[in-house]
Amino acid sequence: MILALLGAASLSAAPQVKILTKVNPLPVALSDDFQFRKTKLFELTVNPPKARKSLSQSLSTNPDNPTAGIAAASLGFERTYRLHGAITNADKNERYGNYFDFFWRVKRPANVTIRLEYRQEKLRSFVQAREISYPNAKGNYKTEFTVIGDDYLQDGRVIAWRCLLIENGKIVAENRSYLWE
């Protein structure tokens, strides 16, 4: 009973994504105490990309470059993972879109907000943003943002993005796509 209550409490404590109605520019004060470690991007489309070769074929035909087959296998897994449990087309439509995983680090305790600013294909230069706050953050974190479902199907894929770590209203770390201006 107690374990169930503790489990429920930890689930409710998960950070919530806040969608911003207006994206205001912030001053930049980059700091070595904050850094992005890794970024994982994935686009789940209606039509999966065509696989060139299977993993075993890639390894047997090109033993000098085994990573080509492994990359293809990991993309197949990611698609299967994201669509797990989606039975109907409506379920699948809710999951199609862009997935962003940001791995970041804070070296000292700080109240940090991570913000994803992005532009979508059909909205052109209009900037949208989503953010999550982490009070008293220190250590390594993984934050996932999604632009899926109707947001993706109506407005198109994300064509440019930047992710910010914000402390006290100032940008302390930044990671961006090469198309971000």
N, C-alpha and C. Protein backbone atom coordinates (compact mmCIF):
# COMPACT_ATOMS: atom_id res chain seq x y z
N MET A 1 0.83 -1.20 0.00
CA MET A 1 0.00 0.00 0.00
C MET A 1 0.87 1.26 0.00
N ILE A 2 1.86 1.28 0.88
CA ILE A 2 2.74 2.45 0.98
C ILE A 2 3.54 2.62 -0.30
N LEU A 3 4.02 1.50 -0.86
CA LEU A 3 4.77 1.58 -2.12
C LEU A 3 3.91 2.13 -3.25
N ALA A 4 2.64 1.76 -3.27
CA ALA A 4 1.74 2.27 -4.31
C ALA A 4 1.56 3.79 -4.17
N LEU A 5 1.43 4.27 -2.94
CA LEU A 5 1.29 5.71 -2.72
C LEU A 5 2.56 6.45 -3.11
N LEU A 6 3.74 5.89 -2.76
CA LEU A 6 4.99 6.52 -3.14
C LEU A 6 5.15 6.55 -4.66
N GLY A 7 4.76 5.47 -5.32
CA GLY A 7 4.84 5.42 -6.79
C GLY A 7 3.92 6.45 -7.42
N ALA A 8 2.71 6.59 -6.89
CA ALA A 8 1.77 7.58 -7.43
C ALA A 8 2.28 9.00 -7.19
N ALA A 9 2.91 9.23 -6.05
CA ALA A 9 3.43 10.56 -5.75
C ALA A 9 4.57 10.92 -6.70
N SER A 10 5.43 9.94 -7.01
CA SER A 10 6.53 10.24 -7.92
C SER A 10 6.05 10.48 -9.34
N LEU A 11 4.96 9.83 -9.75
CA LEU A 11 4.41 10.06 -11.08
C LEU A 11 3.83 11.47 -11.20
N SER A 12 3.18 11.93 -10.16
CA SER A 12 2.58 13.26 -10.22
C SER A 12 3.65 14.36 -10.15
N ALA A 13 4.85 14.02 -9.66
CA ALA A 13 5.91 15.01 -9.53
C ALA A 13 6.69 15.20 -10.84
N ALA A 14 6.33 14.47 -11.88
CA ALA A 14 7.03 14.60 -13.16
C ALA A 14 6.82 16.01 -13.71
N PRO A 15 7.87 16.59 -14.30
CA PRO A 15 7.74 17.95 -14.82
C PRO A 15 6.70 18.03 -15.94
N GLN A 16 5.96 19.11 -15.95
CA GLN A 16 4.91 19.31 -16.94
C GLN A 16 5.36 20.27 -18.03
N VAL A 17 5.02 19.94 -19.27
CA VAL A 17 5.34 20.80 -20.40
C VAL A 17 4.35 21.96 -20.44
N LYS A 18 4.89 23.15 -20.57
CA LYS A 18 4.07 24.36 -20.67
C LYS A 18 4.23 24.91 -22.09
N ILE A 19 3.13 25.10 -22.79
CA ILE A 19 3.17 25.66 -24.14
C ILE A 19 3.03 27.17 -24.03
N LEU A 20 4.01 27.89 -24.57
CA LEU A 20 4.01 29.35 -24.48
C LEU A 20 3.16 29.95 -25.59
N THR A 21 2.36 30.94 -25.24
CA THR A 21 1.54 31.63 -26.25
C THR A 21 2.34 32.71 -26.96
N LYS A 22 3.35 33.26 -26.27
CA LYS A 22 4.21 34.28 -26.87
C LYS A 22 5.65 33.99 -26.46
N VAL A 23 6.54 34.03 -27.44
CA VAL A 23 7.95 33.75 -27.18
C VAL A 23 8.71 35.06 -27.12
N ASN A 24 9.15 35.43 -25.92
CA ASN A 24 9.89 36.67 -25.72
C ASN A 24 11.39 36.39 -25.79
N PRO A 25 12.15 37.27 -26.44
CA PRO A 25 13.61 37.09 -26.46
C PRO A 25 14.20 37.28 -25.06
N LEU A 26 15.27 36.54 -24.78
CA LEU A 26 15.91 36.60 -23.47
C LEU A 26 17.37 37.02 -23.63
N PRO A 27 17.93 37.67 -22.61
CA PRO A 27 19.36 38.01 -22.67
C PRO A 27 20.21 36.75 -22.55
N VAL A 28 21.40 36.81 -23.12
CA VAL A 28 22.31 35.66 -23.11
C VAL A 28 23.41 35.90 -22.08
N ALA A 29 23.61 34.92 -21.20
CA ALA A 29 24.70 34.94 -20.22
C ALA A 29 25.21 33.51 -20.09
N LEU A 30 25.90 33.02 -21.12
CA LEU A 30 26.35 31.63 -21.15
C LEU A 30 27.26 31.32 -19.96
N SER A 31 27.11 30.11 -19.42
CA SER A 31 27.86 29.71 -18.24
C SER A 31 28.38 28.29 -18.42
N ASP A 32 29.60 28.03 -17.93
CA ASP A 32 30.17 26.69 -17.98
C ASP A 32 29.50 25.74 -16.99
N ASP A 33 28.68 26.25 -16.10
CA ASP A 33 27.97 25.40 -15.14
C ASP A 33 26.80 24.66 -15.77
N PHE A 34 26.45 25.01 -16.98
CA PHE A 34 25.31 24.41 -17.68
C PHE A 34 25.78 23.94 -19.06
N GLN A 35 25.38 22.73 -19.45
CA GLN A 35 25.76 22.29 -20.79
C GLN A 35 24.82 21.22 -21.31
N PHE A 36 24.66 21.22 -22.63
CA PHE A 36 23.95 20.16 -23.31
C PHE A 36 24.96 19.06 -23.60
N ARG A 37 24.61 17.83 -23.30
CA ARG A 37 25.52 16.71 -23.49
C ARG A 37 25.24 15.99 -24.81
N LYS A 38 23.97 15.76 -25.11
CA LYS A 38 23.61 14.99 -26.30
C LYS A 38 22.19 15.37 -26.70
N THR A 39 21.91 15.23 -27.99
CA THR A 39 20.57 15.49 -28.52
C THR A 39 20.17 14.32 -29.40
N LYS A 40 18.96 13.82 -29.20
CA LYS A 40 18.43 12.74 -30.03
C LYS A 40 17.16 13.24 -30.69
N LEU A 41 17.13 13.23 -32.01
CA LEU A 41 15.98 13.70 -32.77
C LEU A 41 15.38 12.52 -33.53
N PHE A 42 14.06 12.46 -33.60
CA PHE A 42 13.41 11.41 -34.36
C PHE A 42 12.11 11.95 -34.93
N GLU A 43 11.87 11.69 -36.21
CA GLU A 43 10.59 12.05 -36.83
C GLU A 43 9.86 10.77 -37.19
N LEU A 44 8.69 10.60 -36.59
CA LEU A 44 7.84 9.45 -36.87
C LEU A 44 6.84 9.88 -37.93
N THR A 45 7.01 9.35 -39.14
CA THR A 45 6.17 9.74 -40.26
C THR A 45 5.14 8.66 -40.57
N VAL A 46 4.13 9.04 -41.34
CA VAL A 46 3.09 8.11 -41.74
C VAL A 46 3.69 6.96 -42.52
N ASN A 47 4.56 7.26 -43.46
CA ASN A 47 5.23 6.24 -44.27
C ASN A 47 6.64 6.04 -43.75
N PRO A 48 6.97 4.83 -43.28
CA PRO A 48 8.32 4.61 -42.76
C PRO A 48 9.36 4.70 -43.87
N PRO A 49 10.58 5.10 -43.52
CA PRO A 49 11.62 5.11 -44.55
C PRO A 49 11.91 3.69 -45.01
N LYS A 50 12.24 3.55 -46.28
CA LYS A 50 12.51 2.22 -46.82
C LYS A 50 13.90 1.78 -46.37
N ALA A 51 13.96 0.56 -45.84
CA ALA A 51 15.24 0.01 -45.40
C ALA A 51 16.04 -0.43 -46.62
N ARG A 52 17.31 -0.07 -46.63
CA ARG A 52 18.18 -0.45 -47.76
C ARG A 52 18.57 -1.91 -47.68
N LYS A 53 19.05 -2.31 -46.51
CA LYS A 53 19.48 -3.68 -46.30
C LYS A 53 19.15 -4.07 -44.87
N SER A 54 19.03 -5.36 -44.65
CA SER A 54 18.84 -5.81 -43.28
C SER A 54 20.17 -5.75 -42.55
N LEU A 55 20.13 -5.88 -41.24
CA LEU A 55 21.34 -5.82 -40.43
C LEU A 55 22.31 -6.92 -40.82
N SER A 56 21.81 -8.14 -40.98
CA SER A 56 22.70 -9.26 -41.31
C SER A 56 23.29 -9.10 -42.70
N GLN A 57 22.51 -8.58 -43.67
CA GLN A 57 23.04 -8.35 -45.01
C GLN A 57 24.12 -7.29 -44.98
N SER A 58 23.91 -6.23 -44.21
CA SER A 58 24.89 -5.15 -44.14
C SER A 58 26.19 -5.63 -43.53
N LEU A 59 26.10 -6.44 -42.47
CA LEU A 59 27.31 -6.94 -41.82
C LEU A 59 28.07 -7.92 -42.70
N SER A 60 27.33 -8.76 -43.44
CA SER A 60 28.00 -9.75 -44.27
C SER A 60 28.59 -9.13 -45.54
N THR A 61 27.97 -8.11 -46.10
CA THR A 61 28.48 -7.51 -47.33
C THR A 61 29.52 -6.44 -47.07
N ASN A 62 29.51 -5.82 -45.89
CA ASN A 62 30.47 -4.78 -45.59
C ASN A 62 30.96 -4.90 -44.14
N PRO A 63 31.86 -5.85 -43.86
CA PRO A 63 32.31 -6.04 -42.49
C PRO A 63 33.15 -4.88 -41.97
N ASP A 64 33.64 -4.01 -42.87
CA ASP A 64 34.43 -2.86 -42.43
C ASP A 64 33.58 -1.74 -41.87
N ASN A 65 32.28 -1.72 -42.21
CA ASN A 65 31.38 -0.66 -41.74
C ASN A 65 30.12 -1.27 -41.15
N PRO A 66 30.21 -1.89 -39.98
CA PRO A 66 29.02 -2.52 -39.39
C PRO A 66 28.01 -1.53 -38.86
N THR A 67 28.38 -0.27 -38.68
CA THR A 67 27.45 0.71 -38.10
C THR A 67 26.30 1.06 -39.04
N ALA A 68 26.46 0.85 -40.35
CA ALA A 68 25.37 1.16 -41.29
C ALA A 68 24.15 0.30 -40.98
N GLY A 69 24.35 -0.98 -40.75
CA GLY A 69 23.23 -1.87 -40.42
C GLY A 69 22.65 -1.60 -39.05
N ILE A 70 23.50 -1.26 -38.11
CA ILE A 70 23.04 -0.97 -36.75
C ILE A 70 22.18 0.28 -36.74
N ALA A 71 22.56 1.30 -37.51
CA ALA A 71 21.76 2.53 -37.59
C ALA A 71 20.38 2.23 -38.15
N ALA A 72 20.31 1.40 -39.19
CA ALA A 72 19.01 1.05 -39.78
C ALA A 72 18.16 0.28 -38.78
N ALA A 73 18.78 -0.61 -38.03
CA ALA A 73 18.04 -1.38 -37.02
C ALA A 73 17.52 -0.50 -35.91
N SER A 74 18.32 0.50 -35.49
CA SER A 74 17.88 1.37 -34.40
C SER A 74 16.71 2.25 -34.83
N LEU A 75 16.70 2.68 -36.10
CA LEU A 75 15.56 3.47 -36.59
C LEU A 75 14.29 2.64 -36.61
N GLY A 76 14.41 1.39 -37.01
CA GLY A 76 13.25 0.50 -36.99
C GLY A 76 12.73 0.29 -35.58
N PHE A 77 13.65 0.14 -34.63
CA PHE A 77 13.25 -0.03 -33.24
C PHE A 77 12.54 1.23 -32.72
N GLU A 78 13.10 2.39 -33.03
CA GLU A 78 12.51 3.65 -32.54
C GLU A 78 11.07 3.79 -33.03
N ARG A 79 10.82 3.47 -34.28
CA ARG A 79 9.47 3.53 -34.84
C ARG A 79 8.54 2.57 -34.11
N THR A 80 9.00 1.35 -33.90
CA THR A 80 8.20 0.34 -33.20
C THR A 80 7.92 0.77 -31.77
N TYR A 81 8.93 1.33 -31.11
CA TYR A 81 8.79 1.80 -29.73
C TYR A 81 7.76 2.91 -29.63
N ARG A 82 7.83 3.89 -30.52
CA ARG A 82 6.91 5.03 -30.47
C ARG A 82 5.48 4.63 -30.82
N LEU A 83 5.31 3.62 -31.66
CA LEU A 83 3.96 3.20 -32.07
C LEU A 83 3.40 2.07 -31.20
N HIS A 84 4.17 1.61 -30.21
CA HIS A 84 3.70 0.50 -29.37
C HIS A 84 2.36 0.84 -28.71
N GLY A 85 1.41 -0.03 -28.88
CA GLY A 85 0.09 0.15 -28.28
C GLY A 85 -0.90 0.91 -29.14
N ALA A 86 -0.44 1.50 -30.24
CA ALA A 86 -1.36 2.21 -31.14
C ALA A 86 -2.01 1.19 -32.06
N ILE A 87 -3.30 1.00 -31.92
CA ILE A 87 -4.01 -0.02 -32.69
C ILE A 87 -4.69 0.60 -33.92
N THR A 88 -5.49 1.61 -33.68
CA THR A 88 -6.25 2.21 -34.78
C THR A 88 -5.45 3.30 -35.47
N ASN A 89 -5.93 3.73 -36.63
CA ASN A 89 -5.27 4.84 -37.33
C ASN A 89 -5.31 6.13 -36.51
N ALA A 90 -6.38 6.32 -35.75
CA ALA A 90 -6.47 7.51 -34.89
C ALA A 90 -5.39 7.47 -33.82
N ASP A 91 -5.15 6.29 -33.24
CA ASP A 91 -4.07 6.14 -32.25
C ASP A 91 -2.72 6.46 -32.88
N LYS A 92 -2.49 5.97 -34.07
CA LYS A 92 -1.22 6.20 -34.76
C LYS A 92 -1.06 7.68 -35.12
N ASN A 93 -2.15 8.33 -35.57
CA ASN A 93 -2.08 9.75 -35.93
C ASN A 93 -1.68 10.61 -34.74
N GLU A 94 -2.08 10.21 -33.53
CA GLU A 94 -1.72 10.95 -32.32
C GLU A 94 -0.23 10.87 -32.02
N ARG A 95 0.45 9.87 -32.59
CA ARG A 95 1.87 9.66 -32.29
C ARG A 95 2.81 10.10 -33.41
N TYR A 96 2.29 10.38 -34.59
CA TYR A 96 3.14 10.85 -35.67
C TYR A 96 3.65 12.25 -35.34
N GLY A 97 4.94 12.50 -35.61
CA GLY A 97 5.48 13.82 -35.36
C GLY A 97 6.95 13.79 -35.03
N ASN A 98 7.42 14.90 -34.45
CA ASN A 98 8.82 15.08 -34.10
C ASN A 98 9.03 14.82 -32.61
N TYR A 99 10.07 14.06 -32.31
CA TYR A 99 10.46 13.75 -30.93
C TYR A 99 11.86 14.30 -30.69
N PHE A 100 12.02 15.03 -29.61
CA PHE A 100 13.30 15.64 -29.25
C PHE A 100 13.68 15.17 -27.85
N ASP A 101 14.84 14.56 -27.71
CA ASP A 101 15.37 14.18 -26.41
C ASP A 101 16.66 14.96 -26.19
N PHE A 102 16.69 15.75 -25.12
CA PHE A 102 17.87 16.54 -24.79
C PHE A 102 18.47 16.03 -23.48
N PHE A 103 19.74 15.74 -23.51
CA PHE A 103 20.48 15.32 -22.34
C PHE A 103 21.36 16.49 -21.92
N TRP A 104 21.22 16.93 -20.68
CA TRP A 104 21.92 18.13 -20.24
C TRP A 104 22.40 17.97 -18.81
N ARG A 105 23.30 18.88 -18.41
CA ARG A 105 23.92 18.79 -17.09
C ARG A 105 23.98 20.17 -16.44
N VAL A 106 23.79 20.15 -15.11
CA VAL A 106 23.94 21.35 -14.28
C VAL A 106 24.96 21.02 -13.21
N LYS A 107 26.01 21.82 -13.08
CA LYS A 107 27.09 21.54 -12.13
C LYS A 107 26.82 22.06 -10.72
N ARG A 108 25.89 23.01 -10.57
CA ARG A 108 25.59 23.56 -9.25
C ARG A 108 24.07 23.66 -9.12
N PRO A 109 23.53 23.64 -7.92
CA PRO A 109 22.08 23.74 -7.76
C PRO A 109 21.54 25.06 -8.36
N ALA A 110 20.49 24.93 -9.16
CA ALA A 110 19.90 26.12 -9.80
C ALA A 110 18.47 25.81 -10.21
N ASN A 111 17.65 26.85 -10.24
CA ASN A 111 16.30 26.73 -10.78
C ASN A 111 16.41 26.93 -12.29
N VAL A 112 16.18 25.85 -13.02
CA VAL A 112 16.43 25.84 -14.45
C VAL A 112 15.12 25.60 -15.20
N THR A 113 14.96 26.32 -16.30
CA THR A 113 13.88 26.08 -17.23
C THR A 113 14.52 25.68 -18.55
N ILE A 114 14.03 24.59 -19.13
CA ILE A 114 14.50 24.19 -20.45
C ILE A 114 13.40 24.52 -21.44
N ARG A 115 13.77 25.21 -22.50
CA ARG A 115 12.79 25.68 -23.49
C ARG A 115 13.17 25.20 -24.88
N LEU A 116 12.20 24.65 -25.59
CA LEU A 116 12.36 24.31 -26.99
C LEU A 116 11.60 25.34 -27.82
N GLU A 117 12.32 26.08 -28.65
CA GLU A 117 11.72 27.00 -29.60
C GLU A 117 11.84 26.36 -30.97
N TYR A 118 10.77 26.44 -31.77
CA TYR A 118 10.79 25.75 -33.05
C TYR A 118 9.91 26.43 -34.08
N ARG A 119 10.22 26.13 -35.35
CA ARG A 119 9.42 26.59 -36.49
C ARG A 119 8.94 25.35 -37.24
N GLN A 120 7.69 25.42 -37.71
CA GLN A 120 7.13 24.30 -38.46
C GLN A 120 6.98 24.66 -39.93
N GLU A 121 6.93 23.63 -40.74
CA GLU A 121 6.94 23.75 -42.19
C GLU A 121 5.86 24.68 -42.74
N LYS A 122 4.63 24.50 -42.30
CA LYS A 122 3.52 25.29 -42.86
C LYS A 122 3.36 26.66 -42.20
N LEU A 123 4.01 26.87 -41.06
CA LEU A 123 3.90 28.16 -40.36
C LEU A 123 5.07 29.08 -40.65
N ARG A 124 6.05 28.58 -41.38
CA ARG A 124 7.23 29.32 -41.83
C ARG A 124 7.99 29.98 -40.70
N SER A 125 8.01 31.30 -40.61
CA SER A 125 8.88 31.98 -39.63
C SER A 125 8.23 32.14 -38.25
N PHE A 126 7.00 31.69 -38.07
CA PHE A 126 6.33 31.80 -36.77
C PHE A 126 7.01 30.87 -35.76
N VAL A 127 7.47 31.45 -34.65
CA VAL A 127 8.19 30.68 -33.63
C VAL A 127 7.22 30.28 -32.51
N GLN A 128 7.25 28.99 -32.19
CA GLN A 128 6.47 28.45 -31.08
C GLN A 128 7.46 27.94 -30.03
N ALA A 129 6.98 27.73 -28.81
CA ALA A 129 7.88 27.26 -27.76
C ALA A 129 7.13 26.41 -26.74
N ARG A 130 7.89 25.50 -26.15
CA ARG A 130 7.42 24.67 -25.04
C ARG A 130 8.53 24.68 -24.00
N GLU A 131 8.15 24.64 -22.73
CA GLU A 131 9.18 24.65 -21.71
C GLU A 131 8.79 23.83 -20.50
N ILE A 132 9.82 23.41 -19.77
CA ILE A 132 9.66 22.63 -18.55
C ILE A 132 10.59 23.23 -17.50
N SER A 133 10.08 23.38 -16.27
CA SER A 133 10.89 23.94 -15.19
C SER A 133 11.38 22.84 -14.25
N TYR A 134 12.62 23.00 -13.80
CA TYR A 134 13.23 22.08 -12.85
C TYR A 134 13.74 22.90 -11.66
N PRO A 135 13.01 22.90 -10.54
CA PRO A 135 13.49 23.64 -9.37
C PRO A 135 14.66 22.91 -8.72
N ASN A 136 15.67 23.67 -8.31
CA ASN A 136 16.83 23.15 -7.59
C ASN A 136 17.49 21.97 -8.33
N ALA A 137 17.74 22.16 -9.62
CA ALA A 137 18.34 21.11 -10.44
C ALA A 137 19.84 21.06 -10.25
N LYS A 138 20.38 19.86 -10.17
CA LYS A 138 21.83 19.64 -10.15
C LYS A 138 22.08 18.22 -10.63
N GLY A 139 23.03 18.07 -11.54
CA GLY A 139 23.34 16.74 -12.06
C GLY A 139 22.94 16.60 -13.51
N ASN A 140 22.71 15.35 -13.92
CA ASN A 140 22.38 15.03 -15.31
C ASN A 140 20.88 14.83 -15.47
N TYR A 141 20.35 15.33 -16.58
CA TYR A 141 18.91 15.25 -16.85
C TYR A 141 18.67 14.86 -18.30
N LYS A 142 17.49 14.28 -18.53
CA LYS A 142 17.00 14.03 -19.89
C LYS A 142 15.61 14.64 -19.96
N THR A 143 15.39 15.47 -20.98
CA THR A 143 14.08 16.09 -21.18
C THR A 143 13.60 15.74 -22.58
N GLU A 144 12.34 15.32 -22.67
CA GLU A 144 11.76 14.99 -23.97
C GLU A 144 10.66 16.00 -24.30
N PHE A 145 10.75 16.54 -25.52
CA PHE A 145 9.69 17.38 -26.07
C PHE A 145 9.13 16.66 -27.28
N THR A 146 7.83 16.85 -27.51
CA THR A 146 7.20 16.25 -28.69
C THR A 146 6.35 17.30 -29.40
N VAL A 147 6.36 17.23 -30.71
CA VAL A 147 5.43 17.99 -31.55
C VAL A 147 4.73 16.92 -32.37
N ILE A 148 3.60 16.45 -31.86
CA ILE A 148 2.95 15.28 -32.43
C ILE A 148 1.46 15.51 -32.61
N GLY A 149 0.80 14.54 -33.20
CA GLY A 149 -0.64 14.59 -33.35
C GLY A 149 -1.09 15.69 -34.29
N ASP A 150 -2.14 16.41 -33.90
CA ASP A 150 -2.69 17.48 -34.74
C ASP A 150 -1.68 18.60 -34.99
N ASP A 151 -0.85 18.92 -33.99
CA ASP A 151 0.17 19.96 -34.19
C ASP A 151 1.07 19.60 -35.37
N TYR A 152 1.43 18.34 -35.47
CA TYR A 152 2.32 17.88 -36.55
C TYR A 152 1.55 17.71 -37.87
N LEU A 153 0.40 17.06 -37.81
CA LEU A 153 -0.35 16.76 -39.04
C LEU A 153 -0.89 18.02 -39.72
N GLN A 154 -1.26 19.04 -38.95
CA GLN A 154 -1.81 20.27 -39.53
C GLN A 154 -0.73 21.27 -39.93
N ASP A 155 0.30 21.43 -39.10
CA ASP A 155 1.30 22.47 -39.32
C ASP A 155 2.60 21.98 -39.93
N GLY A 156 2.76 20.67 -40.09
CA GLY A 156 3.94 20.12 -40.75
C GLY A 156 5.07 19.82 -39.78
N ARG A 157 6.14 19.29 -40.34
CA ARG A 157 7.29 18.88 -39.54
C ARG A 157 8.04 20.09 -39.02
N VAL A 158 8.82 19.89 -37.98
CA VAL A 158 9.67 20.95 -37.44
C VAL A 158 10.86 21.10 -38.39
N ILE A 159 11.07 22.33 -38.86
CA ILE A 159 12.16 22.57 -39.82
C ILE A 159 13.37 23.25 -39.18
N ALA A 160 13.20 23.89 -38.05
CA ALA A 160 14.31 24.53 -37.34
C ALA A 160 13.95 24.59 -35.86
N TRP A 161 14.95 24.46 -35.00
CA TRP A 161 14.70 24.48 -33.56
C TRP A 161 15.94 24.97 -32.82
N ARG A 162 15.70 25.41 -31.59
CA ARG A 162 16.78 25.65 -30.66
C ARG A 162 16.28 25.31 -29.27
N CYS A 163 17.17 24.80 -28.45
CA CYS A 163 16.83 24.43 -27.08
C CYS A 163 17.68 25.27 -26.15
N LEU A 164 17.06 25.83 -25.13
CA LEU A 164 17.73 26.75 -24.21
C LEU A 164 17.63 26.25 -22.78
N LEU A 165 18.70 26.44 -22.03
CA LEU A 165 18.65 26.31 -20.58
C LEU A 165 18.60 27.72 -20.04
N ILE A 166 17.60 28.00 -19.20
CA ILE A 166 17.36 29.36 -18.71
C ILE A 166 17.43 29.36 -17.19
N GLU A 167 18.21 30.31 -16.65
CA GLU A 167 18.29 30.52 -15.21
C GLU A 167 18.08 32.01 -14.94
N ASN A 168 17.16 32.33 -14.06
CA ASN A 168 16.86 33.72 -13.70
C ASN A 168 16.59 34.60 -14.92
N GLY A 169 15.86 34.08 -15.90
CA GLY A 169 15.49 34.86 -17.07
C GLY A 169 16.61 35.08 -18.07
N LYS A 170 17.73 34.35 -17.93
CA LYS A 170 18.86 34.50 -18.85
C LYS A 170 19.21 33.14 -19.45
N ILE A 171 19.60 33.16 -20.72
CA ILE A 171 20.02 31.94 -21.40
C ILE A 171 21.43 31.60 -20.94
N VAL A 172 21.58 30.41 -20.32
CA VAL A 172 22.89 30.01 -19.81
C VAL A 172 23.52 28.89 -20.65
N ALA A 173 22.73 28.24 -21.51
CA ALA A 173 23.25 27.24 -22.45
C ALA A 173 22.29 27.13 -23.63
N GLU A 174 22.84 26.81 -24.80
CA GLU A 174 22.01 26.75 -26.01
C GLU A 174 22.48 25.62 -26.91
N ASN A 175 21.51 24.99 -27.55
CA ASN A 175 21.76 23.95 -28.55
C ASN A 175 20.78 24.23 -29.68
N ARG A 176 21.24 24.21 -30.92
CA ARG A 176 20.35 24.59 -32.02
C ARG A 176 20.59 23.76 -33.26
N SER A 177 19.56 23.72 -34.12
CA SER A 177 19.71 23.08 -35.42
C SER A 177 20.46 24.03 -36.34
N TYR A 178 21.04 23.49 -37.38
CA TYR A 178 21.83 24.35 -38.28
C TYR A 178 20.95 25.32 -39.07
N LEU A 179 19.65 25.08 -39.14
CA LEU A 179 18.76 26.00 -39.87
C LEU A 179 18.23 27.13 -38.98
N TRP A 180 18.49 27.07 -37.68
CA TRP A 180 18.01 28.15 -36.79
C TRP A 180 18.83 29.41 -37.05
N GLU A 181 18.13 30.53 -37.14
CA GLU A 181 18.80 31.81 -37.43
C GLU A 181 19.17 32.51 -36.16
